[in-house]
Protein backbone atom coordinates (compact mmCIF):
# COMPACT_ATOMS: atom_id res chain seq x y z
CA UNK A 1 23.21 -6.57 -47.20
CA UNK A 2 22.17 -10.03 -48.46
CA UNK A 3 25.65 -10.67 -49.92
CA UNK A 4 27.24 -10.02 -46.52
CA UNK A 5 25.04 -12.53 -44.66
CA UNK A 6 26.71 -15.73 -46.01
CA UNK A 7 30.17 -14.35 -45.21
CA UNK A 8 29.13 -13.28 -41.72
CA UNK A 9 27.41 -16.63 -41.06
CA UNK A 10 30.46 -18.63 -42.12
CA UNK A 11 32.71 -16.32 -40.08
CA UNK A 12 30.60 -16.90 -36.98
CA UNK A 13 30.69 -20.67 -37.48
CA UNK A 14 34.46 -20.72 -37.82
CA UNK A 15 35.26 -18.36 -34.95
CA UNK A 16 32.52 -19.02 -32.40
CA UNK A 17 33.42 -19.47 -28.75
CA UNK A 18 31.87 -22.05 -26.49
CA UNK A 19 29.53 -21.36 -23.62
CA UNK A 20 27.15 -23.82 -22.00
CA UNK A 21 23.52 -23.39 -22.99
CA UNK A 22 24.31 -20.91 -25.74
CA UNK A 23 23.99 -21.58 -29.42
CA UNK A 24 27.66 -21.04 -30.24
CA UNK A 25 29.27 -23.68 -32.45
CA UNK A 26 32.75 -24.80 -31.40
CA UNK A 27 34.98 -26.57 -33.92
CA UNK A 28 37.93 -28.82 -33.20
CA UNK A 29 40.40 -27.48 -35.75
CA UNK A 30 43.26 -29.80 -36.73
CA UNK A 31 46.17 -29.35 -39.16
CA UNK A 32 46.19 -31.49 -42.32
CA UNK A 33 46.89 -35.24 -42.56
CA UNK A 34 49.89 -36.37 -40.54
CA UNK A 35 48.82 -39.80 -39.38
CA UNK A 36 49.30 -43.24 -40.86
CA UNK A 37 47.14 -45.02 -38.29
CA UNK A 38 44.64 -47.69 -39.31
CA UNK A 39 41.75 -46.19 -41.20
CA UNK A 40 38.09 -47.04 -40.71
CA UNK A 41 37.62 -50.31 -42.55
CA UNK A 42 33.93 -50.17 -43.33
CA UNK A 43 32.46 -48.03 -46.07
CA UNK A 44 29.58 -45.84 -45.03
CA UNK A 45 26.65 -45.54 -47.36
CA UNK A 46 26.29 -42.02 -48.75
CA UNK A 47 22.50 -42.40 -48.65
CA UNK A 48 22.62 -42.53 -44.84
CA UNK A 49 23.12 -38.74 -44.62
CA UNK A 50 20.21 -36.42 -43.93
CA UNK A 51 20.23 -32.64 -44.24
CA UNK A 52 20.15 -30.65 -41.02
CA UNK A 53 17.07 -28.50 -40.73
CA UNK A 54 15.31 -25.99 -38.54
CA UNK A 55 17.27 -24.11 -35.90
CA UNK A 56 20.39 -26.20 -36.50
CA UNK A 57 20.42 -25.30 -40.20
CA UNK A 58 20.21 -21.60 -39.36
CA UNK A 59 22.89 -21.85 -36.66
CA UNK A 60 25.31 -23.74 -38.93
CA UNK A 61 24.68 -21.54 -41.96
CA UNK A 62 22.98 -24.32 -43.92
CA UNK A 63 20.04 -22.06 -44.65
CA UNK A 64 22.48 -19.97 -46.70
CA UNK A 65 24.93 -22.62 -47.99
CA UNK A 66 23.60 -26.18 -48.15
CA UNK A 67 26.95 -27.37 -49.57
CA UNK A 68 28.85 -26.97 -46.27
CA UNK A 69 30.06 -30.39 -45.02
CA UNK A 70 28.30 -29.89 -41.67
CA UNK A 71 24.90 -29.57 -43.36
CA UNK A 72 24.37 -33.32 -43.80
CA UNK A 73 24.69 -35.76 -40.89
CA UNK A 74 24.32 -39.49 -40.33
CA UNK A 75 24.15 -41.91 -37.45
CA UNK A 76 27.50 -43.47 -36.53
CA UNK A 77 28.26 -46.80 -38.22
CA UNK A 78 28.24 -49.90 -36.01
CA UNK A 79 32.04 -49.73 -35.85
CA UNK A 80 32.04 -46.04 -34.90
CA UNK A 81 29.28 -46.48 -32.33
CA UNK A 82 31.10 -49.42 -30.75
CA UNK A 83 34.35 -47.42 -30.59
CA UNK A 84 32.59 -44.46 -28.94
CA UNK A 85 30.93 -46.71 -26.34
CA UNK A 86 34.25 -48.44 -25.66
CA UNK A 87 35.86 -45.03 -25.16
CA UNK A 88 33.27 -44.16 -22.49
CA UNK A 89 33.90 -47.50 -20.77
CA UNK A 90 37.69 -47.03 -20.92
CA UNK A 91 37.43 -43.58 -19.36
CA UNK A 92 35.24 -44.91 -16.55
CA UNK A 93 38.38 -46.60 -15.15
CA UNK A 94 40.77 -43.72 -15.82
CA UNK A 95 42.98 -42.69 -12.85
CA UNK A 96 42.10 -38.98 -13.29
CA UNK A 97 38.65 -37.96 -12.02
CA UNK A 98 38.30 -35.41 -14.84
CA UNK A 99 38.65 -38.16 -17.43
CA UNK A 100 36.14 -40.32 -15.55
CA UNK A 101 33.74 -37.36 -15.65
CA UNK A 102 34.36 -37.07 -19.40
CA UNK A 103 33.61 -40.79 -19.76
CA UNK A 104 30.29 -40.27 -17.99
CA UNK A 105 29.46 -37.38 -20.34
CA UNK A 106 30.25 -39.57 -23.35
CA UNK A 107 28.05 -42.35 -21.96
CA UNK A 108 25.15 -39.94 -21.42
CA UNK A 109 25.45 -38.06 -24.73
CA UNK A 110 26.75 -40.74 -27.10
CA UNK A 111 23.32 -41.72 -28.48
CA UNK A 112 23.00 -38.20 -29.93
CA UNK A 113 26.41 -38.11 -31.65
CA UNK A 114 26.16 -37.70 -35.41
CA UNK A 115 28.73 -37.92 -38.17
CA UNK A 116 29.34 -35.64 -41.13
CA UNK A 117 31.15 -36.60 -44.34
CA UNK A 118 34.25 -34.42 -44.25
CA UNK A 119 35.87 -31.59 -42.35
CA UNK A 120 35.05 -27.94 -42.81
CA UNK A 121 38.23 -26.39 -44.23
CA UNK A 122 39.61 -23.06 -43.04
CA UNK A 123 42.73 -21.22 -44.13
CA UNK A 124 44.47 -19.28 -41.33
CA UNK A 125 47.90 -17.69 -41.56
CA UNK A 126 48.89 -19.77 -44.57
CA UNK A 127 47.93 -23.01 -42.81
CA UNK A 128 44.99 -25.16 -43.79
CA UNK A 129 42.94 -26.24 -40.77
CA UNK A 130 40.25 -28.88 -40.77
CA UNK A 131 37.14 -28.59 -38.60
CA UNK A 132 36.90 -32.27 -37.71
CA UNK A 133 34.21 -31.96 -35.07
CA UNK A 134 31.90 -29.48 -33.46
CA UNK A 135 29.65 -29.10 -30.45
CA UNK A 136 26.77 -26.76 -29.78
CA UNK A 137 23.67 -26.53 -27.63
CA UNK A 138 20.27 -26.33 -29.22
CA UNK A 139 17.20 -26.08 -27.00
CA UNK A 140 19.33 -27.15 -24.01
CA UNK A 141 20.46 -30.37 -25.75
CA UNK A 142 24.09 -30.88 -26.72
CA UNK A 143 24.73 -31.62 -30.38
CA UNK A 144 28.06 -33.41 -30.88
CA UNK A 145 29.31 -33.91 -34.45
CA UNK A 146 32.39 -35.76 -35.75
CA UNK A 147 33.82 -35.74 -39.30
CA UNK A 148 34.52 -39.06 -40.99
CA UNK A 149 37.06 -37.67 -43.46
CA UNK A 150 39.46 -34.74 -43.68
CA UNK A 151 38.61 -34.30 -47.34
CA UNK A 152 37.44 -36.42 -50.25
CA UNK A 153 40.72 -38.38 -50.30
CA UNK A 154 41.75 -38.64 -46.64
CA UNK A 155 39.76 -40.86 -44.31
CA UNK A 156 40.10 -40.52 -40.53
CA UNK A 157 40.90 -43.44 -38.24
CA UNK A 158 38.71 -44.52 -35.33
CA UNK A 159 41.44 -43.26 -32.98
CA UNK A 160 41.28 -39.82 -34.61
CA UNK A 161 37.48 -39.81 -34.33
CA UNK A 162 37.64 -40.82 -30.64
CA UNK A 163 40.08 -37.97 -30.01
CA UNK A 164 37.61 -35.57 -31.62
CA UNK A 165 34.80 -37.12 -29.56
CA UNK A 166 36.78 -36.45 -26.34
CA UNK A 167 37.46 -32.87 -27.44
CA UNK A 168 33.86 -32.08 -28.37
CA UNK A 169 32.28 -33.99 -25.50
CA UNK A 170 34.44 -32.07 -23.00
CA UNK A 171 32.38 -28.98 -23.84
CA UNK A 172 29.37 -30.70 -22.25
CA UNK A 173 31.19 -30.59 -18.91
CA UNK A 174 32.34 -26.98 -19.25
CA UNK A 175 35.67 -27.14 -21.11
CA UNK A 176 36.46 -24.17 -23.32
CA UNK A 177 38.89 -23.77 -26.21
CA UNK A 178 41.15 -21.51 -24.14
CA UNK A 179 43.49 -22.99 -21.49
CA UNK A 180 42.93 -21.45 -18.11
CA UNK A 181 42.13 -22.46 -14.57
CA UNK A 182 40.64 -25.79 -15.63
CA UNK A 183 41.44 -28.10 -18.53
CA UNK A 184 40.67 -26.90 -22.05
CA UNK A 185 38.93 -29.13 -24.59
CA UNK A 186 42.33 -29.83 -26.15
CA UNK A 187 43.71 -30.95 -22.78
CA UNK A 188 40.78 -33.34 -22.32
CA UNK A 189 41.38 -34.72 -25.81
CA UNK A 190 45.08 -35.39 -25.18
CA UNK A 191 45.32 -36.09 -21.42
CA UNK A 192 42.41 -38.52 -21.41
CA UNK A 193 43.71 -40.29 -24.54
């Protein structure tokens, strides 16, 4: 039974659905590197990362596998923080009310955004997907996380991180991963871009 627990925990992390005020973890899964946009110019100190603990560690599977990329987080760099705040300000003037609402959510939740080193990799149908961000609720507080890199060799640009921020932050206003009556998280990420 103990050998099954790590597999089940990782499976739950990678396939969880989103629901407000539940502890499900929702990942923004992206295909591999396809962008040649400007990369983040500042190096981030590796010592700035702290291990997640408590309820978050259990929810993310870090109590079983501490080596998962999502198990160590850091505050955004000055450049990242500035880009996230600028994104909220840009969306405040967006012509679509849904994007303005997203901008307000970013403004309210941005101080709690944390970064993790690299994406959580998942193989699905012969395609490698990268979990470049995730959102979950813990004790009625949204936890928004954004990956700095796809892997050890591929950095992500600020534009890519802001896209992930829009995707993950849209969950705070009720967006799901599945298109339906209202915009999905993916639609917020692209239409408000």
